[in-house]
């Protein structure tokens, strides 16, 4: 634990945003990075709890060792911090930008509505590691002679390619689009994550011996049988692009669109690509000069809201089936649920009874 009294002395701070009137005029990221010194102060707030709820079943789904790298950052050891973070997470610059941060919800300090700024620190570690040259290709020194095909180059495909390449296998990634990234590139708007972060990771993975094949639609351009015949193993990492039916009338009307075709088109425009995409309609979907209604209240809906404003929508109305959330959550009211869940988990075979 870096600073025993840090959580008592230092207030929570996260990256600030550009004013809304400025950021809706472009599709670039609009967060203002914090200084290294401020990031270290935020890392010092970590209590190094006896039971770190920030990772495990209540927090980080990839089990990032959050107290460990908070302590390393407080002590100005950025190189060891990125090494620790990479031990659980291939792409912290992605998750540090787009993850909803359940770790912060689970943080003990969140009982007082001031959790450690975990997501901010995670992004800062990754960005600083690039700045200092700590993120470089790490090719395998021993090769297995096995050849593996990966279908899809989204986040799971990229992570699998990197891990298998480092294990010494010959890895080939087959992607139907012209660039790698999948949902990261074509689903998430640039104002949440600019695509140069994907490009530099792809270059690192290529440097580790992985080969990317673009414009190959497996099942159309190449059969699954051919793929299996030419490789020792095939890993399917394709995502689902089939929209979930809304179950309401009127979805067939002109001007009603599913979210993904809309977001994919705009991401292609920003990336200077043709808006045509395999499986998506090519008719332009634009919100400029229109009154827009977004149905839904999750991440995808917020992406559509931000995109519509940036395209010049006159007005955007968002509808959510759920009730208005409380202005202030009663943390102690939900705590018994988590305590019961943890006791149940620890009593199972392999649990920490």
Protein backbone atom coordinates (compact mmCIF):
# COMPACT_ATOMS: atom_id res chain seq x y z
CA UNK A 1 0.00 0.00 0.00
CA UNK A 2 1.59 3.24 -1.16
CA UNK A 3 0.11 5.81 1.20
CA UNK A 4 -1.72 4.48 4.21
CA UNK A 5 -3.76 7.65 4.73
CA UNK A 6 -4.14 8.50 1.04
CA UNK A 7 -7.88 7.84 0.91
CA UNK A 8 -8.36 10.22 3.86
CA UNK A 9 -6.21 13.04 2.49
CA UNK A 10 -6.84 13.02 -1.27
CA UNK A 11 -10.16 13.70 -3.01
CA UNK A 12 -11.24 11.62 -5.99
CA UNK A 13 -10.38 13.20 -9.33
CA UNK A 14 -10.90 11.90 -12.87
CA UNK A 15 -10.07 13.27 -16.29
CA UNK A 16 -12.02 16.36 -17.24
CA UNK A 17 -13.97 16.79 -20.49
CA UNK A 18 -13.95 19.41 -23.18
CA UNK A 19 -17.08 21.62 -22.99
CA UNK A 20 -20.07 19.98 -24.69
CA UNK A 21 -20.37 22.87 -27.15
CA UNK A 22 -16.83 22.12 -28.36
CA UNK A 23 -16.80 18.34 -28.35
CA UNK A 24 -19.95 17.89 -30.43
CA UNK A 25 -18.12 19.61 -33.31
CA UNK A 26 -15.72 16.70 -33.84
CA UNK A 27 -15.43 12.93 -33.46
CA UNK A 28 -12.11 12.88 -31.61
CA UNK A 29 -11.72 11.87 -27.97
CA UNK A 30 -12.72 14.72 -25.69
CA UNK A 31 -11.17 13.75 -22.34
CA UNK A 32 -8.34 15.92 -21.03
CA UNK A 33 -5.54 13.66 -19.71
CA UNK A 34 -4.38 14.12 -16.13
CA UNK A 35 -0.75 14.82 -15.26
CA UNK A 36 1.47 11.98 -14.05
CA UNK A 37 1.59 13.55 -10.59
CA UNK A 38 -2.20 13.66 -10.36
CA UNK A 39 -2.50 10.06 -11.53
CA UNK A 40 -0.06 9.05 -8.78
CA UNK A 41 -2.15 10.88 -6.20
CA UNK A 42 -5.26 9.03 -7.35
CA UNK A 43 -3.43 5.72 -7.15
CA UNK A 44 -2.44 6.62 -3.59
CA UNK A 45 -6.13 6.59 -2.59
CA UNK A 46 -6.26 2.78 -2.93
CA UNK A 47 -6.86 1.28 0.52
CA UNK A 48 -5.32 -2.11 -0.36
CA UNK A 49 -8.36 -3.73 1.25
CA UNK A 50 -8.05 -7.06 3.01
CA UNK A 51 -10.68 -8.32 0.56
CA UNK A 52 -10.20 -6.33 -2.69
CA UNK A 53 -13.76 -6.34 -4.05
CA UNK A 54 -12.50 -4.35 -7.07
CA UNK A 55 -11.42 -7.59 -8.74
CA UNK A 56 -12.97 -11.00 -8.72
CA UNK A 57 -16.69 -11.88 -8.90
CA UNK A 58 -17.83 -8.44 -7.73
CA UNK A 59 -15.53 -6.26 -9.82
CA UNK A 60 -13.10 -6.59 -12.72
CA UNK A 61 -14.14 -9.50 -14.97
CA UNK A 62 -10.55 -10.05 -16.17
CA UNK A 63 -9.19 -9.97 -12.60
CA UNK A 64 -6.84 -7.02 -13.01
CA UNK A 65 -4.61 -6.83 -9.93
CA UNK A 66 -5.75 -3.32 -9.17
CA UNK A 67 -4.24 -2.73 -5.69
CA UNK A 68 -0.87 -3.97 -6.97
CA UNK A 69 -0.56 -1.55 -9.87
CA UNK A 70 -2.02 1.33 -7.86
CA UNK A 71 0.85 0.84 -5.43
CA UNK A 72 3.38 0.65 -8.28
CA UNK A 73 2.11 3.90 -9.81
CA UNK A 74 2.19 5.66 -6.45
CA UNK A 75 5.85 4.63 -6.24
CA UNK A 76 6.51 5.87 -9.81
CA UNK A 77 7.26 2.40 -11.20
CA UNK A 78 5.43 2.66 -14.53
CA UNK A 79 7.33 -0.17 -16.21
CA UNK A 80 6.43 -2.75 -13.56
CA UNK A 81 2.86 -1.40 -13.49
CA UNK A 82 2.29 -2.06 -17.21
CA UNK A 83 3.92 -5.49 -16.84
CA UNK A 84 1.50 -6.32 -14.03
CA UNK A 85 -1.47 -4.95 -15.96
CA UNK A 86 -0.52 -6.92 -19.07
CA UNK A 87 -0.45 -10.13 -17.00
CA UNK A 88 -4.26 -10.05 -16.95
CA UNK A 89 -5.21 -7.67 -19.74
CA UNK A 90 -3.82 -7.63 -23.30
CA UNK A 91 -5.21 -4.22 -24.17
CA UNK A 92 -5.57 -1.88 -21.16
CA UNK A 93 -5.70 1.17 -23.43
CA UNK A 94 -8.99 -0.23 -24.80
CA UNK A 95 -10.58 -1.17 -21.49
CA UNK A 96 -9.29 2.00 -19.84
CA UNK A 97 -11.40 3.93 -22.34
CA UNK A 98 -14.55 1.91 -22.93
CA UNK A 99 -15.01 -0.44 -19.95
CA UNK A 100 -17.99 0.52 -17.72
CA UNK A 101 -15.66 0.06 -14.70
CA UNK A 102 -17.50 -2.40 -12.44
CA UNK A 103 -14.29 -2.29 -10.39
CA UNK A 104 -15.16 1.22 -9.26
CA UNK A 105 -18.68 0.19 -8.34
CA UNK A 106 -17.19 -2.59 -6.21
CA UNK A 107 -14.51 -0.39 -4.58
CA UNK A 108 -14.87 -0.14 -0.80
CA UNK A 109 -14.57 3.64 -1.03
CA UNK A 110 -17.70 3.65 -3.19
CA UNK A 111 -19.68 3.23 0.03
CA UNK A 112 -18.97 6.96 0.36
CA UNK A 113 -19.52 7.64 -3.37
CA UNK A 114 -15.81 8.31 -3.92
CA UNK A 115 -14.23 5.14 -5.33
CA UNK A 116 -10.62 5.04 -6.46
CA UNK A 117 -10.34 6.36 -10.04
CA UNK A 118 -9.34 2.91 -11.25
CA UNK A 119 -10.34 3.33 -14.88
CA UNK A 120 -8.46 6.63 -15.15
CA UNK A 121 -5.31 5.09 -13.66
CA UNK A 122 -5.54 2.05 -15.95
CA UNK A 123 -5.73 4.20 -19.09
CA UNK A 124 -2.88 6.36 -17.84
CA UNK A 125 -0.65 3.31 -17.29
CA UNK A 126 -1.19 2.09 -20.86
CA UNK A 127 -0.73 5.51 -22.46
CA UNK A 128 2.41 6.20 -20.40
CA UNK A 129 3.82 2.79 -21.30
CA UNK A 130 3.55 3.66 -25.00
CA UNK A 131 5.11 7.05 -24.36
CA UNK A 132 8.08 5.47 -22.56
CA UNK A 133 8.51 2.69 -25.15
CA UNK A 134 7.59 -0.20 -22.86
CA UNK A 135 5.08 -1.75 -25.29
CA UNK A 136 7.02 -3.54 -28.01
CA UNK A 137 6.63 -6.83 -29.90
CA UNK A 138 7.51 -9.91 -27.87
CA UNK A 139 7.89 -12.71 -30.43
CA UNK A 140 8.16 -16.31 -29.31
CA UNK A 141 11.65 -17.75 -28.96
CA UNK A 142 10.48 -21.36 -29.35
CA UNK A 143 8.08 -22.43 -32.11
CA UNK A 144 5.69 -25.36 -31.91
CA UNK A 145 5.26 -26.00 -35.63
CA UNK A 146 1.49 -25.78 -35.20
CA UNK A 147 -0.63 -23.56 -37.45
CA UNK A 148 -3.74 -21.86 -36.04
CA UNK A 149 -6.48 -19.93 -37.84
CA UNK A 150 -8.51 -17.24 -36.07
CA UNK A 151 -11.77 -16.06 -37.62
CA UNK A 152 -12.40 -12.44 -36.72
CA UNK A 153 -10.11 -9.66 -35.52
CA UNK A 154 -12.27 -8.05 -32.86
CA UNK A 155 -11.08 -7.79 -29.24
CA UNK A 156 -11.26 -11.56 -28.63
CA UNK A 157 -9.58 -12.37 -31.95
CA UNK A 158 -6.75 -9.92 -31.33
CA UNK A 159 -6.16 -11.15 -27.78
CA UNK A 160 -6.21 -14.79 -28.91
CA UNK A 161 -3.82 -14.03 -31.76
CA UNK A 162 -1.36 -12.36 -29.43
CA UNK A 163 -1.45 -15.12 -26.83
CA UNK A 164 -1.17 -17.95 -29.36
CA UNK A 165 1.60 -16.18 -31.26
CA UNK A 166 3.60 -15.71 -28.08
CA UNK A 167 3.07 -19.42 -27.30
CA UNK A 168 5.02 -20.22 -30.47
CA UNK A 169 2.24 -21.13 -32.88
CA UNK A 170 1.98 -19.86 -36.47
CA UNK A 171 -1.16 -17.70 -36.31
CA UNK A 172 -3.29 -16.48 -39.21
CA UNK A 173 -6.18 -14.07 -38.60
CA UNK A 174 -8.95 -13.96 -41.21
CA UNK A 175 -11.00 -10.76 -41.27
CA UNK A 176 -13.76 -9.95 -43.73
CA UNK A 177 -13.31 -6.16 -43.35
CA UNK A 178 -10.42 -4.11 -44.74
CA UNK A 179 -9.02 -3.35 -41.28
CA UNK A 180 -8.71 -5.16 -37.96
CA UNK A 181 -10.66 -4.32 -34.84
CA UNK A 182 -14.20 -5.60 -35.30
CA UNK A 183 -16.50 -3.95 -32.76
CA UNK A 184 -13.61 -1.84 -31.48
CA UNK A 185 -13.21 -0.19 -34.88
CA UNK A 186 -16.67 -0.24 -36.39
CA UNK A 187 -18.99 -0.26 -33.37
CA UNK A 188 -17.40 2.12 -30.86
CA UNK A 189 -17.38 5.79 -31.93
CA UNK A 190 -14.07 7.61 -32.18
CA UNK A 191 -15.12 10.07 -29.49
CA UNK A 192 -14.91 7.14 -27.06
CA UNK A 193 -11.80 5.55 -28.56
CA UNK A 194 -9.79 6.75 -31.52
CA UNK A 195 -8.69 4.04 -33.89
CA UNK A 196 -4.95 4.73 -33.83
CA UNK A 197 -4.87 2.73 -30.59
CA UNK A 198 -6.06 -0.33 -32.52
CA UNK A 199 -3.56 0.26 -35.32
CA UNK A 200 -0.53 0.34 -33.04
CA UNK A 201 -1.62 -2.85 -31.24
CA UNK A 202 -2.05 -4.58 -34.60
CA UNK A 203 1.49 -3.53 -35.51
CA UNK A 204 2.75 -4.99 -32.25
CA UNK A 205 0.93 -8.28 -32.92
CA UNK A 206 2.30 -8.42 -36.47
CA UNK A 207 5.75 -7.92 -34.99
CA UNK A 208 5.12 -11.04 -32.92
CA UNK A 209 4.69 -13.10 -36.08
CA UNK A 210 0.92 -13.06 -36.56
CA UNK A 211 -0.33 -12.77 -40.16
CA UNK A 212 -3.55 -10.86 -40.94
CA UNK A 213 -5.67 -11.67 -44.00
CA UNK A 214 -8.16 -8.88 -44.76
CA UNK A 215 -11.18 -9.02 -47.06
CA UNK A 216 -11.67 -12.74 -46.41
CA UNK A 217 -15.26 -13.60 -45.52
CA UNK A 218 -15.01 -17.14 -44.14
CA UNK A 219 -17.95 -19.18 -45.38
CA UNK A 220 -18.13 -17.13 -48.58
CA UNK A 221 -14.60 -16.47 -49.87
CA UNK A 222 -13.15 -19.48 -48.06
CA UNK A 223 -14.96 -22.54 -46.80
CA UNK A 224 -14.68 -23.76 -43.23
CA UNK A 225 -13.54 -27.12 -44.59
CA UNK A 226 -10.63 -25.48 -46.41
CA UNK A 227 -9.68 -23.53 -43.32
CA UNK A 228 -9.67 -26.67 -41.16
CA UNK A 229 -7.71 -28.61 -43.75
CA UNK A 230 -4.95 -25.99 -43.86
CA UNK A 231 -4.58 -25.44 -40.11
CA UNK A 232 -4.08 -27.59 -37.03
CA UNK A 233 -6.76 -25.65 -35.14
CA UNK A 234 -9.42 -23.06 -35.91
CA UNK A 235 -10.66 -20.53 -33.36
CA UNK A 236 -13.90 -18.71 -34.08
CA UNK A 237 -13.94 -15.16 -32.70
CA UNK A 238 -16.77 -13.62 -34.71
CA UNK A 239 -19.23 -11.31 -33.04
CA UNK A 240 -22.99 -11.16 -33.43
CA UNK A 241 -24.29 -8.42 -35.72
CA UNK A 242 -27.94 -9.55 -35.63
CA UNK A 243 -29.99 -6.87 -33.86
CA UNK A 244 -32.25 -7.99 -31.05
CA UNK A 245 -35.89 -7.48 -32.11
CA UNK A 246 -37.43 -4.58 -30.22
CA UNK A 247 -40.79 -6.32 -30.01
CA UNK A 248 -42.69 -3.13 -30.85
CA UNK A 249 -44.69 -2.09 -33.86
CA UNK A 250 -43.42 0.32 -36.48
CA UNK A 251 -39.88 -0.93 -36.83
CA UNK A 252 -40.55 -1.48 -40.52
CA UNK A 253 -41.31 2.20 -41.16
CA UNK A 254 -39.04 4.43 -43.22
CA UNK A 255 -36.57 6.27 -41.00
CA UNK A 256 -36.44 3.59 -38.30
CA UNK A 257 -33.00 1.99 -38.07
CA UNK A 258 -31.12 -0.46 -35.90
CA UNK A 259 -28.19 1.03 -34.01
CA UNK A 260 -25.28 -0.95 -35.43
CA UNK A 261 -25.70 -0.09 -39.12
CA UNK A 262 -25.95 3.57 -38.08
CA UNK A 263 -22.81 3.48 -35.92
CA UNK A 264 -20.83 1.38 -38.40
CA UNK A 265 -21.56 3.82 -41.21
CA UNK A 266 -20.34 6.82 -39.21
CA UNK A 267 -17.22 5.02 -38.04
CA UNK A 268 -16.45 4.23 -41.67
CA UNK A 269 -16.87 7.90 -42.60
CA UNK A 270 -14.51 8.97 -39.83
CA UNK A 271 -12.02 6.31 -40.95
CA UNK A 272 -12.31 7.50 -44.56
CA UNK A 273 -13.75 4.18 -45.69
CA UNK A 274 -16.67 3.44 -48.00
CA UNK A 275 -19.87 3.12 -45.96
CA UNK A 276 -20.73 -0.15 -47.73
CA UNK A 277 -20.24 -3.10 -45.42
CA UNK A 278 -20.81 -6.83 -45.71
CA UNK A 279 -24.24 -7.51 -44.26
CA UNK A 280 -25.27 -3.88 -43.73
CA UNK A 281 -27.47 -1.71 -45.98
CA UNK A 282 -25.51 0.88 -47.93
CA UNK A 283 -28.18 3.63 -47.94
CA UNK A 284 -26.77 6.55 -45.91
CA UNK A 285 -28.21 6.97 -42.42
CA UNK A 286 -27.67 10.53 -41.21
CA UNK A 287 -29.24 12.56 -38.40
CA UNK A 288 -28.29 16.02 -39.64
CA UNK A 289 -31.20 18.49 -39.49
CA UNK A 290 -33.57 15.89 -38.01
CA UNK A 291 -35.47 15.31 -34.79
CA UNK A 292 -34.09 11.99 -33.54
CA UNK A 293 -35.53 9.51 -31.06
CA UNK A 294 -33.16 6.92 -29.55
CA UNK A 295 -34.88 3.93 -27.96
CA UNK A 296 -32.75 2.39 -25.21
CA UNK A 297 -30.62 3.53 -22.31
CA UNK A 298 -27.39 1.53 -22.52
CA UNK A 299 -23.95 2.11 -24.01
CA UNK A 300 -25.12 1.62 -27.59
CA UNK A 301 -27.91 4.14 -27.09
CA UNK A 302 -25.48 6.71 -25.68
CA UNK A 303 -23.21 6.12 -28.68
CA UNK A 304 -26.15 6.90 -30.96
CA UNK A 305 -27.01 10.05 -29.00
CA UNK A 306 -23.44 11.35 -29.25
CA UNK A 307 -23.22 10.48 -32.94
CA UNK A 308 -26.56 12.16 -33.74
CA UNK A 309 -25.53 15.42 -32.10
CA UNK A 310 -22.20 15.40 -33.94
CA UNK A 311 -24.01 14.84 -37.23
CA UNK A 312 -26.08 17.97 -36.57
CA UNK A 313 -29.40 16.66 -35.25
CA UNK A 314 -31.85 19.42 -34.34
CA UNK A 315 -33.08 17.56 -31.25
CA UNK A 316 -32.41 14.17 -29.68
CA UNK A 317 -34.89 12.44 -27.38
CA UNK A 318 -33.89 9.27 -25.54
CA UNK A 319 -36.47 6.75 -24.31
CA UNK A 320 -35.74 4.06 -21.73
CA UNK A 321 -38.18 1.42 -20.50
CA UNK A 322 -36.66 1.46 -17.03
CA UNK A 323 -37.67 3.94 -14.29
CA UNK A 324 -35.62 7.02 -13.50
CA UNK A 325 -32.63 5.93 -11.40
CA UNK A 326 -32.27 7.41 -7.91
CA UNK A 327 -30.18 10.53 -7.57
CA UNK A 328 -28.14 8.82 -4.86
CA UNK A 329 -27.78 5.06 -4.47
CA UNK A 330 -28.17 3.64 -0.97
CA UNK A 331 -24.97 1.59 -0.88
CA UNK A 332 -25.72 -0.01 2.48
CA UNK A 333 -29.07 -1.25 1.17
CA UNK A 334 -27.40 -3.34 -1.55
CA UNK A 335 -24.46 -4.44 0.58
CA UNK A 336 -26.26 -7.43 2.20
CA UNK A 337 -26.81 -8.85 -1.31
CA UNK A 338 -23.11 -8.77 -2.11
CA UNK A 339 -22.18 -10.13 1.32
CA UNK A 340 -24.54 -13.07 0.78
CA UNK A 341 -23.16 -13.66 -2.72
CA UNK A 342 -19.57 -13.70 -1.44
CA UNK A 343 -20.44 -16.15 1.35
CA UNK A 344 -22.19 -18.43 -1.15
CA UNK A 345 -19.21 -18.27 -3.53
CA UNK A 346 -16.67 -19.03 -0.81
CA UNK A 347 -18.63 -22.03 0.40
CA UNK A 348 -18.48 -23.72 -3.01
CA UNK A 349 -15.73 -26.26 -3.83
CA UNK A 350 -12.53 -24.33 -4.45
CA UNK A 351 -13.85 -21.28 -2.61
CA UNK A 352 -12.00 -19.48 0.17
CA UNK A 353 -14.06 -20.87 3.04
